[in-house]
């Protein structure tokens, strides 16, 4: 689940009541293959469409990259599960 901690200016923290509201829920079917989610990173990137956000999901046995968090996109495997 993703939460918003800062207001739209990015400078001020949201009130606690607002910050506790879930903004987006991700269902991750890859958890069966790569293990539990260890961490996630979200970075802004600029494109022809303006600013969008990229997300890296770090699993116990792999890393998935989502090129656009705002839209439904298929993740790209960045670090495959080690074989053997």
PDB file of N, CA and C in Angstrom:
ATOM      1  N   UNK A   1       0.838  -1.174   0.000  1.00  0.00           N
ATOM      2  CA  UNK A   1       0.000   0.000   0.000  1.00  0.00           C
ATOM      3  C   UNK A   1       0.882   1.235   0.000  1.00  0.00           C
ATOM      4  N   UNK A   2       0.468   2.243  -0.725  1.00  0.00           N
ATOM      5  CA  UNK A   2       1.200   3.505  -0.768  1.00  0.00           C
ATOM      6  C   UNK A   2       0.406   4.572  -0.043  1.00  0.00           C
ATOM      7  N   UNK A   3       1.125   5.422   0.662  1.00  0.00           N
ATOM      8  CA  UNK A   3       0.526   6.519   1.406  1.00  0.00           C
ATOM      9  C   UNK A   3       1.168   7.826   0.955  1.00  0.00           C
ATOM     10  N   UNK A   4       0.442   8.919   1.066  1.00  0.00           N
ATOM     11  CA  UNK A   4       0.990  10.234   0.740  1.00  0.00           C
ATOM     12  C   UNK A   4       1.364  10.915   2.056  1.00  0.00           C
ATOM     13  N   UNK A   5       2.639  11.299   2.200  1.00  0.00           N
ATOM     14  CA  UNK A   5       3.107  11.934   3.422  1.00  0.00           C
ATOM     15  C   UNK A   5       3.236  13.446   3.296  1.00  0.00           C
ATOM     16  N   UNK A   6       3.439  13.937   2.064  1.00  0.00           N
ATOM     17  CA  UNK A   6       3.609  15.369   1.854  1.00  0.00           C
ATOM     18  C   UNK A   6       2.476  15.920   1.016  1.00  0.00           C
ATOM     19  N   UNK A   7       2.187  17.199   1.177  1.00  0.00           N
ATOM     20  CA  UNK A   7       1.148  17.829   0.358  1.00  0.00           C
ATOM     21  C   UNK A   7       1.663  18.007  -1.074  1.00  0.00           C
ATOM     22  N   UNK A   8       0.852  18.602  -1.937  1.00  0.00           N
ATOM     23  CA  UNK A   8       1.219  18.718  -3.355  1.00  0.00           C
ATOM     24  C   UNK A   8       2.462  19.562  -3.590  1.00  0.00           C
ATOM     25  N   UNK A   9       2.759  20.461  -2.672  1.00  0.00           N
ATOM     26  CA  UNK A   9       3.969  21.274  -2.835  1.00  0.00           C
ATOM     27  C   UNK A   9       5.226  20.454  -2.554  1.00  0.00           C
ATOM     28  N   UNK A  10       5.074  19.352  -1.816  1.00  0.00           N
ATOM     29  CA  UNK A  10       6.216  18.516  -1.465  1.00  0.00           C
ATOM     30  C   UNK A  10       7.036  19.083  -0.330  1.00  0.00           C
ATOM     31  N   UNK A  11       6.586  20.164   0.253  1.00  0.00           N
ATOM     32  CA  UNK A  11       7.343  20.837   1.310  1.00  0.00           C
ATOM     33  C   UNK A  11       6.744  20.629   2.698  1.00  0.00           C
ATOM     34  N   UNK A  12       5.452  20.399   2.785  1.00  0.00           N
ATOM     35  CA  UNK A  12       4.771  20.305   4.079  1.00  0.00           C
ATOM     36  C   UNK A  12       4.207  18.912   4.293  1.00  0.00           C
ATOM     37  N   UNK A  13       4.346  18.416   5.507  1.00  0.00           N
ATOM     38  CA  UNK A  13       3.764  17.120   5.844  1.00  0.00           C
ATOM     39  C   UNK A  13       2.249  17.228   5.892  1.00  0.00           C
ATOM     40  N   UNK A  14       1.585  16.154   5.463  1.00  0.00           N
ATOM     41  CA  UNK A  14       0.129  16.089   5.522  1.00  0.00           C
ATOM     42  C   UNK A  14      -0.287  15.901   6.983  1.00  0.00           C
ATOM     43  N   UNK A  15      -1.499  16.324   7.337  1.00  0.00           N
ATOM     44  CA  UNK A  15      -2.002  16.015   8.678  1.00  0.00           C
ATOM     45  C   UNK A  15      -2.073  14.499   8.860  1.00  0.00           C
ATOM     46  N   UNK A  16      -1.875  14.040  10.076  1.00  0.00           N
ATOM     47  CA  UNK A  16      -1.802  12.599  10.338  1.00  0.00           C
ATOM     48  C   UNK A  16      -3.040  11.852   9.836  1.00  0.00           C
ATOM     49  N   UNK A  17      -4.221  12.431  10.023  1.00  0.00           N
ATOM     50  CA  UNK A  17      -5.457  11.779   9.599  1.00  0.00           C
ATOM     51  C   UNK A  17      -5.452  11.533   8.081  1.00  0.00           C
ATOM     52  N   UNK A  18      -4.975  12.498   7.298  1.00  0.00           N
ATOM     53  CA  UNK A  18      -4.892  12.345   5.845  1.00  0.00           C
ATOM     54  C   UNK A  18      -3.790  11.371   5.443  1.00  0.00           C
ATOM     55  N   UNK A  19      -2.648  11.431   6.131  1.00  0.00           N
ATOM     56  CA  UNK A  19      -1.507  10.575   5.793  1.00  0.00           C
ATOM     57  C   UNK A  19      -1.812   9.098   6.014  1.00  0.00           C
ATOM     58  N   UNK A  20      -2.722   8.780   6.919  1.00  0.00           N
ATOM     59  CA  UNK A  20      -3.058   7.388   7.204  1.00  0.00           C
ATOM     60  C   UNK A  20      -3.969   6.753   6.149  1.00  0.00           C
ATOM     61  N   UNK A  21      -4.543   7.564   5.254  1.00  0.00           N
ATOM     62  CA  UNK A  21      -5.430   7.041   4.216  1.00  0.00           C
ATOM     63  C   UNK A  21      -4.594   6.437   3.094  1.00  0.00           C
ATOM     64  N   UNK A  22      -4.914   5.213   2.708  1.00  0.00           N
ATOM     65  CA  UNK A  22      -4.205   4.526   1.631  1.00  0.00           C
ATOM     66  C   UNK A  22      -4.524   5.210   0.307  1.00  0.00           C
ATOM     67  N   UNK A  23      -3.494   5.503  -0.478  1.00  0.00           N
ATOM     68  CA  UNK A  23      -3.674   6.136  -1.776  1.00  0.00           C
ATOM     69  C   UNK A  23      -3.737   5.125  -2.907  1.00  0.00           C
ATOM     70  N   UNK A  24      -2.994   4.050  -2.787  1.00  0.00           N
ATOM     71  CA  UNK A  24      -2.980   3.040  -3.849  1.00  0.00           C
ATOM     72  C   UNK A  24      -2.585   1.699  -3.236  1.00  0.00           C
ATOM     73  N   UNK A  25      -3.243   0.634  -3.679  1.00  0.00           N
ATOM     74  CA  UNK A  25      -2.930  -0.722  -3.230  1.00  0.00           C
ATOM     75  C   UNK A  25      -2.383  -1.497  -4.423  1.00  0.00           C
ATOM     76  N   UNK A  26      -1.244  -2.145  -4.225  1.00  0.00           N
ATOM     77  CA  UNK A  26      -0.644  -2.971  -5.270  1.00  0.00           C
ATOM     78  C   UNK A  26      -0.819  -4.434  -4.895  1.00  0.00           C
ATOM     79  N   UNK A  27      -1.381  -5.199  -5.811  1.00  0.00           N
ATOM     80  CA  UNK A  27      -1.440  -6.649  -5.644  1.00  0.00           C
ATOM     81  C   UNK A  27      -0.237  -7.201  -6.386  1.00  0.00           C
ATOM     82  N   UNK A  28       0.560  -7.985  -5.704  1.00  0.00           N
ATOM     83  CA  UNK A  28       1.824  -8.453  -6.264  1.00  0.00           C
ATOM     84  C   UNK A  28       1.809  -9.974  -6.367  1.00  0.00           C
ATOM     85  N   UNK A  29       1.369 -10.520  -7.525  1.00  0.00           N
ATOM     86  CA  UNK A  29       1.340 -11.969  -7.672  1.00  0.00           C
ATOM     87  C   UNK A  29       2.736 -12.580  -7.706  1.00  0.00           C
ATOM     88  N   UNK A  30       3.758 -11.779  -8.027  1.00  0.00           N
ATOM     89  CA  UNK A  30       5.131 -12.288  -8.103  1.00  0.00           C
ATOM     90  C   UNK A  30       5.685 -12.686  -6.740  1.00  0.00           C
ATOM     91  N   UNK A  31       4.969 -12.355  -5.678  1.00  0.00           N
ATOM     92  CA  UNK A  31       5.437 -12.682  -4.330  1.00  0.00           C
ATOM     93  C   UNK A  31       5.607 -14.195  -4.157  1.00  0.00           C
ATOM     94  N   UNK A  32       4.808 -14.982  -4.874  1.00  0.00           N
ATOM     95  CA  UNK A  32       4.922 -16.443  -4.797  1.00  0.00           C
ATOM     96  C   UNK A  32       6.243 -16.925  -5.377  1.00  0.00           C
ATOM     97  N   UNK A  33       6.745 -16.215  -6.387  1.00  0.00           N
ATOM     98  CA  UNK A  33       7.974 -16.624  -7.059  1.00  0.00           C
ATOM     99  C   UNK A  33       9.225 -16.033  -6.410  1.00  0.00           C
ATOM    100  N   UNK A  34       9.162 -14.757  -5.996  1.00  0.00           N
ATOM    101  CA  UNK A  34      10.359 -14.054  -5.528  1.00  0.00           C
ATOM    102  C   UNK A  34      10.438 -13.880  -4.012  1.00  0.00           C
ATOM    103  N   UNK A  35       9.447 -14.340  -3.262  1.00  0.00           N
ATOM    104  CA  UNK A  35       9.473 -14.207  -1.809  1.00  0.00           C
ATOM    105  C   UNK A  35       8.835 -12.899  -1.356  1.00  0.00           C
ATOM    106  N   UNK A  36       8.975 -12.606  -0.080  1.00  0.00           N
ATOM    107  CA  UNK A  36       8.361 -11.419   0.512  1.00  0.00           C
ATOM    108  C   UNK A  36       9.008 -10.132   0.009  1.00  0.00           C
ATOM    109  N   UNK A  37       8.234  -9.052   0.015  1.00  0.00           N
ATOM    110  CA  UNK A  37       8.750  -7.734  -0.343  1.00  0.00           C
ATOM    111  C   UNK A  37       9.599  -7.232   0.822  1.00  0.00           C
ATOM    112  N   UNK A  38      10.827  -6.837   0.517  1.00  0.00           N
ATOM    113  CA  UNK A  38      11.757  -6.343   1.534  1.00  0.00           C
ATOM    114  C   UNK A  38      11.697  -4.816   1.614  1.00  0.00           C
ATOM    115  N   UNK A  39      11.612  -4.160   0.447  1.00  0.00           N
ATOM    116  CA  UNK A  39      11.611  -2.698   0.420  1.00  0.00           C
ATOM    117  C   UNK A  39      11.039  -2.227  -0.909  1.00  0.00           C
ATOM    118  N   UNK A  40      10.715  -0.957  -0.995  1.00  0.00           N
ATOM    119  CA  UNK A  40      10.298  -0.375  -2.266  1.00  0.00           C
ATOM    120  C   UNK A  40      10.862   1.029  -2.365  1.00  0.00           C
ATOM    121  N   UNK A  41      11.151   1.435  -3.590  1.00  0.00           N
ATOM    122  CA  UNK A  41      11.684   2.752  -3.867  1.00  0.00           C
ATOM    123  C   UNK A  41      10.855   3.381  -4.972  1.00  0.00           C
ATOM    124  N   UNK A  42      10.495   4.649  -4.809  1.00  0.00           N
ATOM    125  CA  UNK A  42       9.738   5.371  -5.820  1.00  0.00           C
ATOM    126  C   UNK A  42      10.531   6.621  -6.187  1.00  0.00           C
ATOM    127  N   UNK A  43      10.762   6.805  -7.501  1.00  0.00           N
ATOM    128  CA  UNK A  43      11.530   7.935  -8.000  1.00  0.00           C
ATOM    129  C   UNK A  43      10.733   8.676  -9.061  1.00  0.00           C
ATOM    130  N   UNK A  44      10.773  10.016  -9.054  1.00  0.00           N
ATOM    131  CA  UNK A  44      10.143  10.760 -10.148  1.00  0.00           C
ATOM    132  C   UNK A  44      11.037  10.727 -11.383  1.00  0.00           C
ATOM    133  N   UNK A  45      10.421  10.714 -12.549  1.00  0.00           N
ATOM    134  CA  UNK A  45      11.177  10.817 -13.801  1.00  0.00           C
ATOM    135  C   UNK A  45      10.370  11.666 -14.765  1.00  0.00           C
ATOM    136  N   UNK A  46      11.050  12.419 -15.579  1.00  0.00           N
ATOM    137  CA  UNK A  46      10.354  13.268 -16.544  1.00  0.00           C
ATOM    138  C   UNK A  46      10.283  12.546 -17.880  1.00  0.00           C
ATOM    139  N   UNK A  47       9.193  12.742 -18.563  1.00  0.00           N
ATOM    140  CA  UNK A  47       8.991  12.134 -19.876  1.00  0.00           C
ATOM    141  C   UNK A  47       8.226  13.122 -20.743  1.00  0.00           C
ATOM    142  N   UNK A  48       7.880  12.704 -21.940  1.00  0.00           N
ATOM    143  CA  UNK A  48       7.106  13.558 -22.845  1.00  0.00           C
ATOM    144  C   UNK A  48       5.744  13.909 -22.243  1.00  0.00           C
ATOM    145  N   UNK A  49       5.207  13.021 -21.403  1.00  0.00           N
ATOM    146  CA  UNK A  49       3.888  13.228 -20.796  1.00  0.00           C
ATOM    147  C   UNK A  49       3.963  14.072 -19.525  1.00  0.00           C
ATOM    148  N   UNK A  50       5.155  14.493 -19.115  1.00  0.00           N
ATOM    149  CA  UNK A  50       5.316  15.225 -17.866  1.00  0.00           C
ATOM    150  C   UNK A  50       6.025  14.345 -16.844  1.00  0.00           C
ATOM    151  N   UNK A  51       5.766  14.585 -15.589  1.00  0.00           N
ATOM    152  CA  UNK A  51       6.419  13.813 -14.532  1.00  0.00           C
ATOM    153  C   UNK A  51       5.614  12.549 -14.265  1.00  0.00           C
ATOM    154  N   UNK A  52       6.298  11.433 -14.210  1.00  0.00           N
ATOM    155  CA  UNK A  52       5.682  10.181 -13.779  1.00  0.00           C
ATOM    156  C   UNK A  52       6.598   9.563 -12.736  1.00  0.00           C
ATOM    157  N   UNK A  53       6.142   8.528 -12.095  1.00  0.00           N
ATOM    158  CA  UNK A  53       6.910   7.917 -11.020  1.00  0.00           C
ATOM    159  C   UNK A  53       7.251   6.473 -11.359  1.00  0.00           C
ATOM    160  N   UNK A  54       8.512   6.110 -11.144  1.00  0.00           N
ATOM    161  CA  UNK A  54       8.987   4.738 -11.319  1.00  0.00           C
ATOM    162  C   UNK A  54       9.055   4.083  -9.950  1.00  0.00           C
ATOM    163  N   UNK A  55       8.845   2.781  -9.910  1.00  0.00           N
ATOM    164  CA  UNK A  55       8.899   2.077  -8.640  1.00  0.00           C
ATOM    165  C   UNK A  55       9.729   0.806  -8.783  1.00  0.00           C
ATOM    166  N   UNK A  56      10.581   0.576  -7.815  1.00  0.00           N
ATOM    167  CA  UNK A  56      11.338  -0.667  -7.708  1.00  0.00           C
ATOM    168  C   UNK A  56      10.814  -1.411  -6.492  1.00  0.00           C
ATOM    169  N   UNK A  57      10.408  -2.663  -6.682  1.00  0.00           N
ATOM    170  CA  UNK A  57      10.010  -3.527  -5.580  1.00  0.00           C
ATOM    171  C   UNK A  57      11.156  -4.507  -5.336  1.00  0.00           C
ATOM    172  N   UNK A  58      11.683  -4.501  -4.132  1.00  0.00           N
ATOM    173  CA  UNK A  58      12.798  -5.367  -3.773  1.00  0.00           C
ATOM    174  C   UNK A  58      12.237  -6.573  -3.024  1.00  0.00           C
ATOM    175  N   UNK A  59      12.408  -7.748  -3.597  1.00  0.00           N
ATOM    176  CA  UNK A  59      11.956  -8.998  -2.993  1.00  0.00           C
ATOM    177  C   UNK A  59      13.148  -9.725  -2.372  1.00  0.00           C
ATOM    178  N   UNK A  60      12.878 -10.795  -1.670  1.00  0.00           N
ATOM    179  CA  UNK A  60      13.951 -11.624  -1.121  1.00  0.00           C
ATOM    180  C   UNK A  60      14.806 -12.228  -2.230  1.00  0.00           C
ATOM    181  N   UNK A  61      14.199 -12.528  -3.403  1.00  0.00           N
ATOM    182  CA  UNK A  61      14.916 -13.212  -4.484  1.00  0.00           C
ATOM    183  C   UNK A  61      14.755 -12.533  -5.838  1.00  0.00           C
ATOM    184  N   UNK A  62      14.649 -11.219  -5.856  1.00  0.00           N
ATOM    185  CA  UNK A  62      14.534 -10.533  -7.136  1.00  0.00           C
ATOM    186  C   UNK A  62      14.122  -9.081  -6.973  1.00  0.00           C
ATOM    187  N   UNK A  63      14.222  -8.339  -8.053  1.00  0.00           N
ATOM    188  CA  UNK A  63      13.825  -6.930  -8.092  1.00  0.00           C
ATOM    189  C   UNK A  63      12.944  -6.718  -9.313  1.00  0.00           C
ATOM    190  N   UNK A  64      11.783  -6.093  -9.116  1.00  0.00           N
ATOM    191  CA  UNK A  64      10.893  -5.740 -10.219  1.00  0.00           C
ATOM    192  C   UNK A  64      10.858  -4.231 -10.365  1.00  0.00           C
ATOM    193  N   UNK A  65      10.842  -3.770 -11.608  1.00  0.00           N
ATOM    194  CA  UNK A  65      10.793  -2.347 -11.925  1.00  0.00           C
ATOM    195  C   UNK A  65       9.459  -2.038 -12.590  1.00  0.00           C
ATOM    196  N   UNK A  66       8.720  -1.087 -12.037  1.00  0.00           N
ATOM    197  CA  UNK A  66       7.475  -0.615 -12.631  1.00  0.00           C
ATOM    198  C   UNK A  66       7.760   0.753 -13.259  1.00  0.00           C
ATOM    199  N   UNK A  67       7.729   0.876 -14.600  1.00  0.00           N
ATOM    200  CA  UNK A  67       8.073   2.138 -15.247  1.00  0.00           C
ATOM    201  C   UNK A  67       7.091   3.275 -14.986  1.00  0.00           C
ATOM    202  N   UNK A  68       5.853   2.974 -14.635  1.00  0.00           N
ATOM    203  CA  UNK A  68       4.873   4.030 -14.360  1.00  0.00           C
ATOM    204  C   UNK A  68       3.940   3.567 -13.255  1.00  0.00           C
ATOM    205  N   UNK A  69       4.072   4.182 -12.092  1.00  0.00           N
ATOM    206  CA  UNK A  69       3.223   3.812 -10.951  1.00  0.00           C
ATOM    207  C   UNK A  69       1.802   4.313 -11.169  1.00  0.00           C
ATOM    208  N   UNK A  70       1.646   5.457 -11.852  1.00  0.00           N
ATOM    209  CA  UNK A  70       0.333   6.075 -12.029  1.00  0.00           C
ATOM    210  C   UNK A  70      -0.595   5.261 -12.919  1.00  0.00           C
ATOM    211  N   UNK A  71      -0.012   4.544 -13.873  1.00  0.00           N
ATOM    212  CA  UNK A  71      -0.815   3.775 -14.826  1.00  0.00           C
ATOM    213  C   UNK A  71      -0.537   2.288 -14.640  1.00  0.00           C
ATOM    214  N   UNK A  72      -1.463   1.486 -15.121  1.00  0.00           N
ATOM    215  CA  UNK A  72      -1.267   0.039 -15.035  1.00  0.00           C
ATOM    216  C   UNK A  72      -0.205  -0.369 -16.058  1.00  0.00           C
ATOM    217  N   UNK A  73       0.932  -0.811 -15.563  1.00  0.00           N
ATOM    218  CA  UNK A  73       2.016  -1.266 -16.432  1.00  0.00           C
ATOM    219  C   UNK A  73       2.529  -2.596 -15.922  1.00  0.00           C
ATOM    220  N   UNK A  74       3.037  -3.369 -16.811  1.00  0.00           N
ATOM    221  CA  UNK A  74       3.635  -4.643 -16.438  1.00  0.00           C
ATOM    222  C   UNK A  74       5.036  -4.392 -15.881  1.00  0.00           C
ATOM    223  N   UNK A  75       5.387  -5.079 -14.802  1.00  0.00           N
ATOM    224  CA  UNK A  75       6.732  -4.884 -14.241  1.00  0.00           C
ATOM    225  C   UNK A  75       7.803  -5.547 -15.112  1.00  0.00           C
ATOM    226  N   UNK A  76       9.001  -5.023 -15.033  1.00  0.00           N
ATOM    227  CA  UNK A  76      10.151  -5.582 -15.728  1.00  0.00           C
ATOM    228  C   UNK A  76      11.075  -6.196 -14.681  1.00  0.00           C
ATOM    229  N   UNK A  77      11.561  -7.404 -14.941  1.00  0.00           N
ATOM    230  CA  UNK A  77      12.454  -8.075 -14.015  1.00  0.00           C
ATOM    231  C   UNK A  77      13.837  -7.473 -14.134  1.00  0.00           C
ATOM    232  N   UNK A  78      14.394  -7.002 -13.030  1.00  0.00           N
ATOM    233  CA  UNK A  78      15.722  -6.380 -13.039  1.00  0.00           C
ATOM    234  C   UNK A  78      16.791  -7.306 -12.459  1.00  0.00           C
ATOM    235  N   UNK A  79      16.420  -8.103 -11.498  1.00  0.00           N
ATOM    236  CA  UNK A  79      17.382  -9.024 -10.885  1.00  0.00           C
ATOM    237  C   UNK A  79      16.703 -10.371 -10.736  1.00  0.00           C
ATOM    238  N   UNK A  80      17.028 -11.316 -11.598  1.00  0.00           N
ATOM    239  CA  UNK A  80      16.339 -12.603 -11.549  1.00  0.00           C
ATOM    240  C   UNK A  80      16.755 -13.419 -10.335  1.00  0.00           C
ATOM    241  N   UNK A  81      15.914 -14.363 -10.029  1.00  0.00           N
ATOM    242  CA  UNK A  81      16.195 -15.308  -8.950  1.00  0.00           C
ATOM    243  C   UNK A  81      17.418 -16.127  -9.345  1.00  0.00           C
ATOM    244  N   UNK A  82      18.328 -16.288  -8.413  1.00  0.00           N
ATOM    245  CA  UNK A  82      19.532 -17.089  -8.688  1.00  0.00           C
ATOM    246  C   UNK A  82      19.151 -18.543  -8.865  1.00  0.00           C
ATOM    247  N   UNK A  83      19.722 -19.179  -9.874  1.00  0.00           N
ATOM    248  CA  UNK A  83      19.414 -20.600 -10.104  1.00  0.00           C
ATOM    249  C   UNK A  83      20.494 -21.455  -9.458  1.00  0.00           C
ATOM    250  N   UNK A  84      20.061 -22.581  -8.944  1.00  0.00           N
ATOM    251  CA  UNK A  84      20.999 -23.543  -8.382  1.00  0.00           C
ATOM    252  C   UNK A  84      21.174 -23.342  -6.980  1.00  0.00           C
TER     253      UNK A  84
END
